[in-house]
Amino acid sequence: MLAWRLRRCVAEIEADGRRFDFFISNAEDADRISRLACLPHVYIRYRNSMVEYLRGKIGDKSGLKRLFRTLKWRIRFHLTYGGRDIITVSDALQRDIVDEVGVHPHSIRTIYNPFDFEAIRQLAREFQPPVDGPYIVYAARFSARKRQDLLLRAFCDSHACQSHKLVLIGDAYTEAEKNWREQIALQVASLGLQDKVLLPGFQTNPYPWIKHAALFAMSSDSEGLPTVLIESLILGTPVVSTDCPTGPSEILTGRLSPFLCARNDHLALAVRIDEALAHYPHVGDRELARFSAENSIRQYLAHCAEA
């Protein structure tokens, strides 16, 4: 029904004789519906780890249930994405889709997310965050995948814990996420960090919090292309991150690669936090130009013109 409505909507818009040059699908449901609707020239913008998505669907099932879910979702991935034109937001996602899951698209290439540098910096100047003293920040929804628990342990083990506070920006929306946020609050209390950790909740404009932070620390188990790392660098805020799939290793390259650490290693993350606070190289716009909106637009238009 949704595919039929989509085709009808497109036909109504094209009734004036002008055709769409191409479509961009930006979510899993839209990927499936656009295929069922048989829309021409659809570019799928894939922005999450397909492997991690598959793991989430399989869960902790074992035996025949595990086999059934694995086959079910692999077949769905192949039916939805096989033979299609895919644009990933990181190079690692290409390997994730083709090598790990075994999907064979018609074409696949990477175009990074677009960022309006000046707009981000303008928003960052709107106010001064109400934090007394220097602080480390992490902005992410509360979920087990974001690993706020790991960051708390790393912060507790770092020298920074003596001189800085930790601000965990974000909210919880599902029941599982709300339970996770409660666990994090309990962990803060059990570690004796009540005076050191702030939980300001969801922020409509997180950029001032990031701009005025001494460091942005990310502890995720998986990402697509973590835009908040790029936004932090645009605002001149040093960044450390777990080297999770996918994206961080494509952002923190060259001089910044030492500030990556393995997943699920709070001691290594603690070391990276202290090292970044002690010395961090300057990152200019030239190094970040590959993430600019202008560069992304040029790549989209050039890629779609080739089809």
C-alpha atoms as a PDB file:
ATOM      1  CA  MET A   1       0.000   0.000   0.000  1.00  0.00           C
ATOM      2  CA  LEU A   2       2.793   2.425   0.851  1.00  0.00           C
ATOM      3  CA  ALA A   3       4.602   1.590  -2.383  1.00  0.00           C
ATOM      4  CA  TRP A   4       1.407   2.245  -4.355  1.00  0.00           C
ATOM      5  CA  ARG A   5       0.897   5.583  -2.598  1.00  0.00           C
ATOM      6  CA  LEU A   6       4.507   6.545  -3.318  1.00  0.00           C
ATOM      7  CA  ARG A   7       4.120   5.768  -7.024  1.00  0.00           C
ATOM      8  CA  ARG A   8       0.885   7.781  -7.133  1.00  0.00           C
ATOM      9  CA  CYS A   9       2.547  10.724  -5.383  1.00  0.00           C
ATOM     10  CA  VAL A  10       5.434  10.701  -7.857  1.00  0.00           C
ATOM     11  CA  ALA A  11       3.022  10.473 -10.804  1.00  0.00           C
ATOM     12  CA  GLU A  12       1.030  13.474  -9.526  1.00  0.00           C
ATOM     13  CA  ILE A  13       4.170  15.585  -9.196  1.00  0.00           C
ATOM     14  CA  GLU A  14       5.432  14.553 -12.631  1.00  0.00           C
ATOM     15  CA  ALA A  15       2.052  15.269 -14.264  1.00  0.00           C
ATOM     16  CA  ASP A  16       3.433  18.611 -15.495  1.00  0.00           C
ATOM     17  CA  GLY A  17       5.807  16.716 -17.799  1.00  0.00           C
ATOM     18  CA  ARG A  18       8.965  17.275 -15.759  1.00  0.00           C
ATOM     19  CA  ARG A  19      10.584  14.104 -14.455  1.00  0.00           C
ATOM     20  CA  PHE A  20      12.635  13.566 -11.344  1.00  0.00           C
ATOM     21  CA  ASP A  21      16.334  13.214 -12.131  1.00  0.00           C
ATOM     22  CA  PHE A  22      16.882  10.842  -9.211  1.00  0.00           C
ATOM     23  CA  PHE A  23      15.652   9.913  -5.746  1.00  0.00           C
ATOM     24  CA  ILE A  24      17.619   9.506  -2.513  1.00  0.00           C
ATOM     25  CA  SER A  25      16.382   6.991   0.054  1.00  0.00           C
ATOM     26  CA  ASN A  26      17.564   7.695   3.580  1.00  0.00           C
ATOM     27  CA  ALA A  27      16.033   4.964   5.791  1.00  0.00           C
ATOM     28  CA  GLU A  28      15.619   1.190   5.755  1.00  0.00           C
ATOM     29  CA  ASP A  29      11.830   1.307   5.337  1.00  0.00           C
ATOM     30  CA  ALA A  30      12.142   3.759   2.447  1.00  0.00           C
ATOM     31  CA  ASP A  31      14.756   1.484   0.869  1.00  0.00           C
ATOM     32  CA  ARG A  32      12.236  -1.377   0.778  1.00  0.00           C
ATOM     33  CA  ILE A  33       9.272   0.763  -0.309  1.00  0.00           C
ATOM     34  CA  SER A  34      11.205   2.418  -3.158  1.00  0.00           C
ATOM     35  CA  ARG A  35      12.116  -1.049  -4.464  1.00  0.00           C
ATOM     36  CA  LEU A  36       8.496  -2.257  -4.270  1.00  0.00           C
ATOM     37  CA  ALA A  37       7.405   0.946  -6.023  1.00  0.00           C
ATOM     38  CA  CYS A  38       9.936   0.278  -8.821  1.00  0.00           C
ATOM     39  CA  LEU A  39      11.090   3.889  -8.790  1.00  0.00           C
ATOM     40  CA  PRO A  40      13.865   4.621 -11.315  1.00  0.00           C
ATOM     41  CA  HIS A  41      17.227   6.147 -10.408  1.00  0.00           C
ATOM     42  CA  VAL A  42      17.052   5.573  -6.646  1.00  0.00           C
ATOM     43  CA  TYR A  43      20.255   6.141  -4.673  1.00  0.00           C
ATOM     44  CA  ILE A  44      20.245   4.533  -1.256  1.00  0.00           C
ATOM     45  CA  ARG A  45      22.141   6.537   1.327  1.00  0.00           C
ATOM     46  CA  TYR A  46      23.217   3.849   3.788  1.00  0.00           C
ATOM     47  CA  ARG A  47      24.487   5.222   7.074  1.00  0.00           C
ATOM     48  CA  ASN A  48      24.561   2.392   9.640  1.00  0.00           C
ATOM     49  CA  SER A  49      26.509  -0.823  10.048  1.00  0.00           C
ATOM     50  CA  MET A  50      24.561  -3.615   8.327  1.00  0.00           C
ATOM     51  CA  VAL A  51      26.544  -6.169  10.330  1.00  0.00           C
ATOM     52  CA  GLU A  52      25.608  -4.552  13.646  1.00  0.00           C
ATOM     53  CA  TYR A  53      21.995  -4.235  12.479  1.00  0.00           C
ATOM     54  CA  LEU A  54      22.005  -7.966  11.712  1.00  0.00           C
ATOM     55  CA  ARG A  55      23.486  -8.779  15.115  1.00  0.00           C
ATOM     56  CA  GLY A  56      20.781  -6.738  16.777  1.00  0.00           C
ATOM     57  CA  LYS A  57      18.043  -8.629  14.955  1.00  0.00           C
ATOM     58  CA  ILE A  58      19.577 -12.005  15.814  1.00  0.00           C
ATOM     59  CA  GLY A  59      20.075 -11.035  19.455  1.00  0.00           C
ATOM     60  CA  ASP A  60      21.022 -13.781  21.875  1.00  0.00           C
ATOM     61  CA  LYS A  61      19.079 -16.496  20.049  1.00  0.00           C
ATOM     62  CA  SER A  62      20.744 -19.867  19.544  1.00  0.00           C
ATOM     63  CA  GLY A  63      20.147 -23.077  17.603  1.00  0.00           C
ATOM     64  CA  LEU A  64      17.384 -23.109  15.001  1.00  0.00           C
ATOM     65  CA  LYS A  65      16.016 -19.710  16.057  1.00  0.00           C
ATOM     66  CA  ARG A  66      19.418 -18.140  15.454  1.00  0.00           C
ATOM     67  CA  LEU A  67      19.709 -19.846  12.070  1.00  0.00           C
ATOM     68  CA  PHE A  68      16.185 -18.791  11.083  1.00  0.00           C
ATOM     69  CA  ARG A  69      16.738 -15.131  12.016  1.00  0.00           C
ATOM     70  CA  THR A  70      20.119 -15.052  10.282  1.00  0.00           C
ATOM     71  CA  LEU A  71      18.662 -16.441   7.056  1.00  0.00           C
ATOM     72  CA  LYS A  72      15.583 -14.230   7.279  1.00  0.00           C
ATOM     73  CA  TRP A  73      17.519 -10.992   7.592  1.00  0.00           C
ATOM     74  CA  ARG A  74      20.250 -11.908   5.122  1.00  0.00           C
ATOM     75  CA  ILE A  75      17.581 -12.718   2.536  1.00  0.00           C
ATOM     76  CA  ARG A  76      15.828  -9.429   3.298  1.00  0.00           C
ATOM     77  CA  PHE A  77      19.083  -7.493   2.891  1.00  0.00           C
ATOM     78  CA  HIS A  78      19.762  -9.179  -0.455  1.00  0.00           C
ATOM     79  CA  LEU A  79      16.213  -8.580  -1.719  1.00  0.00           C
ATOM     80  CA  THR A  80      16.286  -4.936  -0.636  1.00  0.00           C
ATOM     81  CA  TYR A  81      19.818  -3.927  -1.636  1.00  0.00           C
ATOM     82  CA  GLY A  82      21.005  -6.410  -4.257  1.00  0.00           C
ATOM     83  CA  GLY A  83      21.528  -4.792  -7.662  1.00  0.00           C
ATOM     84  CA  ARG A  84      20.860  -1.278  -6.385  1.00  0.00           C
ATOM     85  CA  ASP A  85      22.860   1.948  -6.305  1.00  0.00           C
ATOM     86  CA  ILE A  86      24.187   2.571  -2.796  1.00  0.00           C
ATOM     87  CA  ILE A  87      25.947   5.604  -1.377  1.00  0.00           C
ATOM     88  CA  THR A  88      27.599   4.916   1.972  1.00  0.00           C
ATOM     89  CA  VAL A  89      28.656   7.589   4.461  1.00  0.00           C
ATOM     90  CA  SER A  90      31.997   5.890   5.140  1.00  0.00           C
ATOM     91  CA  ASP A  91      34.388   3.593   3.270  1.00  0.00           C
ATOM     92  CA  ALA A  92      34.148   1.015   6.039  1.00  0.00           C
ATOM     93  CA  LEU A  93      30.418   0.642   5.376  1.00  0.00           C
ATOM     94  CA  GLN A  94      31.200  -0.495   1.833  1.00  0.00           C
ATOM     95  CA  ARG A  95      33.240  -3.393   3.193  1.00  0.00           C
ATOM     96  CA  ASP A  96      30.531  -4.010   5.790  1.00  0.00           C
ATOM     97  CA  ILE A  97      27.814  -4.392   3.136  1.00  0.00           C
ATOM     98  CA  VAL A  98      29.726  -6.204   0.391  1.00  0.00           C
ATOM     99  CA  ASP A  99      32.340  -8.280   2.219  1.00  0.00           C
ATOM    100  CA  GLU A 100      30.631  -9.027   5.533  1.00  0.00           C
ATOM    101  CA  VAL A 101      26.967  -9.360   4.543  1.00  0.00           C
ATOM    102  CA  GLY A 102      27.591 -10.386   0.937  1.00  0.00           C
ATOM    103  CA  VAL A 103      25.202  -7.946  -0.767  1.00  0.00           C
ATOM    104  CA  HIS A 104      26.021  -7.313  -4.437  1.00  0.00           C
ATOM    105  CA  PRO A 105      24.840  -3.803  -5.384  1.00  0.00           C
ATOM    106  CA  HIS A 106      24.771  -2.383  -8.903  1.00  0.00           C
ATOM    107  CA  SER A 107      27.104   0.374  -7.718  1.00  0.00           C
ATOM    108  CA  ILE A 108      28.507   1.521  -4.392  1.00  0.00           C
ATOM    109  CA  ARG A 109      30.581   4.539  -3.416  1.00  0.00           C
ATOM    110  CA  THR A 110      31.245   6.730  -0.397  1.00  0.00           C
ATOM    111  CA  ILE A 111      30.118  10.331  -0.011  1.00  0.00           C
ATOM    112  CA  TYR A 112      30.618  11.754   3.457  1.00  0.00           C
ATOM    113  CA  ASN A 113      27.850  13.579   5.290  1.00  0.00           C
ATOM    114  CA  PRO A 114      27.712  17.300   4.451  1.00  0.00           C
ATOM    115  CA  PHE A 115      28.519  19.890   7.119  1.00  0.00           C
ATOM    116  CA  ASP A 116      27.873  23.636   7.042  1.00  0.00           C
ATOM    117  CA  PHE A 117      30.900  24.801   9.025  1.00  0.00           C
ATOM    118  CA  GLU A 118      29.757  28.385   9.537  1.00  0.00           C
ATOM    119  CA  ALA A 119      26.212  27.414  10.585  1.00  0.00           C
ATOM    120  CA  ILE A 120      27.600  25.018  13.209  1.00  0.00           C
ATOM    121  CA  ARG A 121      29.978  27.680  14.547  1.00  0.00           C
ATOM    122  CA  GLN A 122      27.199  30.266  14.639  1.00  0.00           C
ATOM    123  CA  LEU A 123      24.986  27.963  16.724  1.00  0.00           C
ATOM    124  CA  ALA A 124      27.915  27.279  19.046  1.00  0.00           C
ATOM    125  CA  ARG A 125      28.086  30.973  19.917  1.00  0.00           C
ATOM    126  CA  GLU A 126      24.506  31.189  21.183  1.00  0.00           C
ATOM    127  CA  PHE A 127      25.190  30.690  24.902  1.00  0.00           C
ATOM    128  CA  GLN A 128      27.686  29.637  27.552  1.00  0.00           C
ATOM    129  CA  PRO A 129      26.886  26.212  29.054  1.00  0.00           C
ATOM    130  CA  PRO A 130      26.128  26.309  32.806  1.00  0.00           C
ATOM    131  CA  VAL A 131      29.105  24.174  33.839  1.00  0.00           C
ATOM    132  CA  ASP A 132      31.466  25.289  36.586  1.00  0.00           C
ATOM    133  CA  GLY A 133      35.038  24.554  35.505  1.00  0.00           C
ATOM    134  CA  PRO A 134      36.548  22.480  32.676  1.00  0.00           C
ATOM    135  CA  TYR A 135      34.638  19.462  31.430  1.00  0.00           C
ATOM    136  CA  ILE A 136      34.614  16.525  29.021  1.00  0.00           C
ATOM    137  CA  VAL A 137      31.463  15.983  26.958  1.00  0.00           C
ATOM    138  CA  TYR A 138      29.717  13.104  25.198  1.00  0.00           C
ATOM    139  CA  ALA A 139      26.524  13.729  23.206  1.00  0.00           C
ATOM    140  CA  ALA A 140      24.506  10.623  22.327  1.00  0.00           C
ATOM    141  CA  ARG A 141      21.143   9.050  23.042  1.00  0.00           C
ATOM    142  CA  PHE A 142      21.216   6.723  26.002  1.00  0.00           C
ATOM    143  CA  SER A 143      21.546   3.195  24.638  1.00  0.00           C
ATOM    144  CA  ALA A 144      23.777   0.217  25.295  1.00  0.00           C
ATOM    145  CA  ARG A 145      25.425   0.716  21.886  1.00  0.00           C
ATOM    146  CA  LYS A 146      26.660   4.166  22.901  1.00  0.00           C
ATOM    147  CA  ARG A 147      28.422   2.706  25.964  1.00  0.00           C
ATOM    148  CA  GLN A 148      28.103   5.555  28.451  1.00  0.00           C
ATOM    149  CA  ASP A 149      29.026   2.925  31.046  1.00  0.00           C
ATOM    150  CA  LEU A 150      32.452   2.453  29.438  1.00  0.00           C
ATOM    151  CA  LEU A 151      33.085   6.186  29.355  1.00  0.00           C
ATOM    152  CA  LEU A 152      32.188   6.496  33.030  1.00  0.00           C
ATOM    153  CA  ARG A 153      34.738   3.834  33.959  1.00  0.00           C
ATOM    154  CA  ALA A 154      37.363   5.443  31.715  1.00  0.00           C
ATOM    155  CA  PHE A 155      36.703   8.859  33.244  1.00  0.00           C
ATOM    156  CA  CYS A 156      36.963   7.430  36.746  1.00  0.00           C
ATOM    157  CA  ASP A 157      40.343   5.843  35.894  1.00  0.00           C
ATOM    158  CA  SER A 158      41.770   8.933  34.166  1.00  0.00           C
ATOM    159  CA  HIS A 159      43.775  11.743  35.735  1.00  0.00           C
ATOM    160  CA  ALA A 160      41.178  14.086  34.229  1.00  0.00           C
ATOM    161  CA  CYS A 161      38.710  12.959  36.878  1.00  0.00           C
ATOM    162  CA  GLN A 162      40.606  15.071  39.409  1.00  0.00           C
ATOM    163  CA  SER A 163      40.341  18.317  37.445  1.00  0.00           C
ATOM    164  CA  HIS A 164      37.399  17.960  35.033  1.00  0.00           C
ATOM    165  CA  LYS A 165      33.717  17.136  35.048  1.00  0.00           C
ATOM    166  CA  LEU A 166      31.950  14.799  32.640  1.00  0.00           C
ATOM    167  CA  VAL A 167      28.799  15.944  30.828  1.00  0.00           C
ATOM    168  CA  LEU A 168      26.606  13.236  29.240  1.00  0.00           C
ATOM    169  CA  ILE A 169      24.166  14.944  26.885  1.00  0.00           C
ATOM    170  CA  GLY A 170      21.245  12.953  25.527  1.00  0.00           C
ATOM    171  CA  ASP A 171      17.873  11.432  26.236  1.00  0.00           C
ATOM    172  CA  ALA A 172      16.170   8.041  26.194  1.00  0.00           C
ATOM    173  CA  TYR A 173      13.111   7.286  24.075  1.00  0.00           C
ATOM    174  CA  THR A 174      12.369   3.564  24.158  1.00  0.00           C
ATOM    175  CA  GLU A 175      11.789   1.511  27.271  1.00  0.00           C
ATOM    176  CA  ALA A 176      15.168  -0.175  26.841  1.00  0.00           C
ATOM    177  CA  GLU A 177      16.889   3.202  26.563  1.00  0.00           C
ATOM    178  CA  LYS A 178      15.125   4.496  29.666  1.00  0.00           C
ATOM    179  CA  ASN A 179      16.308   1.445  31.573  1.00  0.00           C
ATOM    180  CA  TRP A 180      19.838   2.081  30.305  1.00  0.00           C
ATOM    181  CA  ARG A 181      19.735   5.690  31.502  1.00  0.00           C
ATOM    182  CA  GLU A 182      18.647   4.489  34.945  1.00  0.00           C
ATOM    183  CA  GLN A 183      21.570   2.054  34.989  1.00  0.00           C
ATOM    184  CA  ILE A 184      23.957   4.876  34.105  1.00  0.00           C
ATOM    185  CA  ALA A 185      22.574   7.023  36.935  1.00  0.00           C
ATOM    186  CA  LEU A 186      23.099   4.112  39.332  1.00  0.00           C
ATOM    187  CA  GLN A 187      26.637   3.630  38.024  1.00  0.00           C
ATOM    188  CA  VAL A 188      27.410   7.309  38.629  1.00  0.00           C
ATOM    189  CA  ALA A 189      26.331   6.873  42.238  1.00  0.00           C
ATOM    190  CA  SER A 190      28.217   3.594  42.716  1.00  0.00           C
ATOM    191  CA  LEU A 191      31.433   5.190  41.428  1.00  0.00           C
ATOM    192  CA  GLY A 192      30.975   8.169  43.729  1.00  0.00           C
ATOM    193  CA  LEU A 193      30.847  10.609  40.816  1.00  0.00           C
ATOM    194  CA  GLN A 194      27.682  12.505  41.754  1.00  0.00           C
ATOM    195  CA  ASP A 195      29.620  15.777  41.979  1.00  0.00           C
ATOM    196  CA  LYS A 196      31.596  15.088  38.822  1.00  0.00           C
ATOM    197  CA  VAL A 197      28.999  13.904  36.276  1.00  0.00           C
ATOM    198  CA  LEU A 198      26.222  16.043  34.796  1.00  0.00           C
ATOM    199  CA  LEU A 199      23.206  14.631  32.953  1.00  0.00           C
ATOM    200  CA  PRO A 200      21.505  17.679  31.385  1.00  0.00           C
ATOM    201  CA  GLY A 201      19.281  15.570  29.111  1.00  0.00           C
ATOM    202  CA  PHE A 202      18.418  16.332  25.499  1.00  0.00           C
ATOM    203  CA  GLN A 203      19.718  19.647  24.189  1.00  0.00           C
ATOM    204  CA  THR A 204      18.103  21.337  21.195  1.00  0.00           C
ATOM    205  CA  ASN A 205      21.421  23.048  20.523  1.00  0.00           C
ATOM    206  CA  PRO A 206      24.327  20.915  21.765  1.00  0.00           C
ATOM    207  CA  TYR A 207      26.994  22.913  19.935  1.00  0.00           C
ATOM    208  CA  PRO A 208      27.827  25.388  22.739  1.00  0.00           C
ATOM    209  CA  TRP A 209      28.300  22.407  25.073  1.00  0.00           C
ATOM    210  CA  ILE A 210      30.735  20.891  22.584  1.00  0.00           C
ATOM    211  CA  LYS A 211      32.549  24.140  21.736  1.00  0.00           C
ATOM    212  CA  HIS A 212      33.303  25.006  25.373  1.00  0.00           C
ATOM    213  CA  ALA A 213      34.340  21.473  26.343  1.00  0.00           C
ATOM    214  CA  ALA A 214      37.984  20.619  26.887  1.00  0.00           C
ATOM    215  CA  LEU A 215      37.421  17.330  25.094  1.00  0.00           C
ATOM    216  CA  PHE A 216      34.769  15.270  23.305  1.00  0.00           C
ATOM    217  CA  ALA A 217      35.017  11.567  24.209  1.00  0.00           C
ATOM    218  CA  MET A 218      33.069   8.919  22.298  1.00  0.00           C
ATOM    219  CA  SER A 219      32.754   5.366  23.599  1.00  0.00           C
ATOM    220  CA  SER A 220      30.385   3.692  21.100  1.00  0.00           C
ATOM    221  CA  ASP A 221      30.426   0.040  20.084  1.00  0.00           C
ATOM    222  CA  SER A 222      29.245   0.893  16.560  1.00  0.00           C
ATOM    223  CA  GLU A 223      28.392   3.892  14.379  1.00  0.00           C
ATOM    224  CA  GLY A 224      27.811   4.736  10.716  1.00  0.00           C
ATOM    225  CA  LEU A 225      29.746   7.958  10.345  1.00  0.00           C
ATOM    226  CA  PRO A 226      29.683   9.636  13.782  1.00  0.00           C
ATOM    227  CA  THR A 227      28.877  13.200  12.759  1.00  0.00           C
ATOM    228  CA  VAL A 228      29.401  14.529  16.257  1.00  0.00           C
ATOM    229  CA  LEU A 229      33.136  13.767  15.997  1.00  0.00           C
ATOM    230  CA  ILE A 230      33.363  15.917  12.874  1.00  0.00           C
ATOM    231  CA  GLU A 231      31.257  18.682  14.426  1.00  0.00           C
ATOM    232  CA  SER A 232      33.553  18.718  17.453  1.00  0.00           C
ATOM    233  CA  LEU A 233      36.640  19.129  15.257  1.00  0.00           C
ATOM    234  CA  ILE A 234      34.884  21.889  13.295  1.00  0.00           C
ATOM    235  CA  LEU A 235      34.362  23.687  16.610  1.00  0.00           C
ATOM    236  CA  GLY A 236      37.993  23.222  17.605  1.00  0.00           C
ATOM    237  CA  THR A 237      37.283  20.701  20.347  1.00  0.00           C
ATOM    238  CA  PRO A 238      39.758  17.791  20.679  1.00  0.00           C
ATOM    239  CA  VAL A 239      38.287  14.331  20.130  1.00  0.00           C
ATOM    240  CA  VAL A 240      39.032  10.810  21.359  1.00  0.00           C
ATOM    241  CA  SER A 241      37.041   7.760  20.331  1.00  0.00           C
ATOM    242  CA  THR A 242      36.766   4.022  20.369  1.00  0.00           C
ATOM    243  CA  ASP A 243      37.832   2.573  17.023  1.00  0.00           C
ATOM    244  CA  CYS A 244      34.387   1.082  16.466  1.00  0.00           C
ATOM    245  CA  PRO A 245      32.795   0.084  13.183  1.00  0.00           C
ATOM    246  CA  THR A 246      32.332   2.275  11.285  1.00  0.00           C
ATOM    247  CA  GLY A 247      33.684   5.777  10.717  1.00  0.00           C
ATOM    248  CA  PRO A 248      35.981   6.933  13.549  1.00  0.00           C
ATOM    249  CA  SER A 249      39.132   5.611  11.841  1.00  0.00           C
ATOM    250  CA  GLU A 250      38.204   7.612   8.720  1.00  0.00           C
ATOM    251  CA  ILE A 251      37.760  10.804  10.738  1.00  0.00           C
ATOM    252  CA  LEU A 252      40.701  10.520  13.116  1.00  0.00           C
ATOM    253  CA  THR A 253      43.412   9.950  10.528  1.00  0.00           C
ATOM    254  CA  GLY A 254      47.075  10.900  10.325  1.00  0.00           C
ATOM    255  CA  ARG A 255      48.092  12.964  13.344  1.00  0.00           C
ATOM    256  CA  LEU A 256      44.750  12.191  15.017  1.00  0.00           C
ATOM    257  CA  SER A 257      44.905   8.386  14.723  1.00  0.00           C
ATOM    258  CA  PRO A 258      46.730   7.965  18.094  1.00  0.00           C
ATOM    259  CA  PHE A 259      43.555   9.201  19.780  1.00  0.00           C
ATOM    260  CA  LEU A 260      41.623   6.064  18.802  1.00  0.00           C
ATOM    261  CA  CYS A 261      41.437   3.044  21.096  1.00  0.00           C
ATOM    262  CA  ALA A 262      39.953  -0.432  20.974  1.00  0.00           C
ATOM    263  CA  ARG A 263      36.297  -1.016  21.795  1.00  0.00           C
ATOM    264  CA  ASN A 264      35.338  -2.098  25.298  1.00  0.00           C
ATOM    265  CA  ASP A 265      38.720  -1.076  26.797  1.00  0.00           C
ATOM    266  CA  HIS A 266      38.091   1.567  29.435  1.00  0.00           C
ATOM    267  CA  LEU A 267      41.743   1.713  30.513  1.00  0.00           C
ATOM    268  CA  ALA A 268      42.890   2.492  26.964  1.00  0.00           C
ATOM    269  CA  LEU A 269      40.180   5.126  26.676  1.00  0.00           C
ATOM    270  CA  ALA A 270      41.317   6.661  29.969  1.00  0.00           C
ATOM    271  CA  VAL A 271      44.862   6.943  28.585  1.00  0.00           C
ATOM    272  CA  ARG A 272      43.603   8.591  25.377  1.00  0.00           C
ATOM    273  CA  ILE A 273      41.590  11.099  27.407  1.00  0.00           C
ATOM    274  CA  ASP A 274      44.640  12.157  29.421  1.00  0.00           C
ATOM    275  CA  GLU A 275      46.866  12.314  26.339  1.00  0.00           C
ATOM    276  CA  ALA A 276      44.375  14.450  24.420  1.00  0.00           C
ATOM    277  CA  LEU A 277      44.022  16.894  27.313  1.00  0.00           C
ATOM    278  CA  ALA A 278      47.806  17.143  27.589  1.00  0.00           C
ATOM    279  CA  HIS A 279      48.531  17.740  23.883  1.00  0.00           C
ATOM    280  CA  TYR A 280      46.335  17.743  20.788  1.00  0.00           C
ATOM    281  CA  PRO A 281      47.270  18.903  17.280  1.00  0.00           C
ATOM    282  CA  HIS A 282      45.511  21.832  15.673  1.00  0.00           C
ATOM    283  CA  VAL A 283      42.945  20.797  13.062  1.00  0.00           C
ATOM    284  CA  GLY A 284      42.154  23.378  10.378  1.00  0.00           C
ATOM    285  CA  ASP A 285      39.412  23.687   7.775  1.00  0.00           C
ATOM    286  CA  ARG A 286      41.703  22.369   5.050  1.00  0.00           C
ATOM    287  CA  GLU A 287      41.952  19.022   6.835  1.00  0.00           C
ATOM    288  CA  LEU A 288      38.162  18.940   7.278  1.00  0.00           C
ATOM    289  CA  ALA A 289      37.288  20.082   3.740  1.00  0.00           C
ATOM    290  CA  ARG A 290      36.301  16.535   2.707  1.00  0.00           C
ATOM    291  CA  PHE A 291      33.311  16.880   5.058  1.00  0.00           C
ATOM    292  CA  SER A 292      32.110  20.266   3.802  1.00  0.00           C
ATOM    293  CA  ALA A 293      28.619  20.648   2.348  1.00  0.00           C
ATOM    294  CA  GLU A 294      30.072  22.045  -0.880  1.00  0.00           C
ATOM    295  CA  ASN A 295      32.242  18.978  -1.393  1.00  0.00           C
ATOM    296  CA  SER A 296      29.337  16.618  -0.672  1.00  0.00           C
ATOM    297  CA  ILE A 297      27.027  18.422  -3.105  1.00  0.00           C
ATOM    298  CA  ARG A 298      29.624  18.277  -5.883  1.00  0.00           C
ATOM    299  CA  GLN A 299      30.079  14.538  -5.359  1.00  0.00           C
ATOM    300  CA  TYR A 300      26.324  13.805  -5.352  1.00  0.00           C
ATOM    301  CA  LEU A 301      25.710  15.748  -8.553  1.00  0.00           C
ATOM    302  CA  ALA A 302      28.729  14.240 -10.303  1.00  0.00           C
ATOM    303  CA  HIS A 303      27.805  10.708  -9.228  1.00  0.00           C
ATOM    304  CA  CYS A 304      24.160  11.004 -10.280  1.00  0.00           C
ATOM    305  CA  ALA A 305      25.170  12.577 -13.617  1.00  0.00           C
ATOM    306  CA  GLU A 306      27.249   9.474 -14.379  1.00  0.00           C
ATOM    307  CA  ALA A 307      24.232   7.155 -14.100  1.00  0.00           C
END
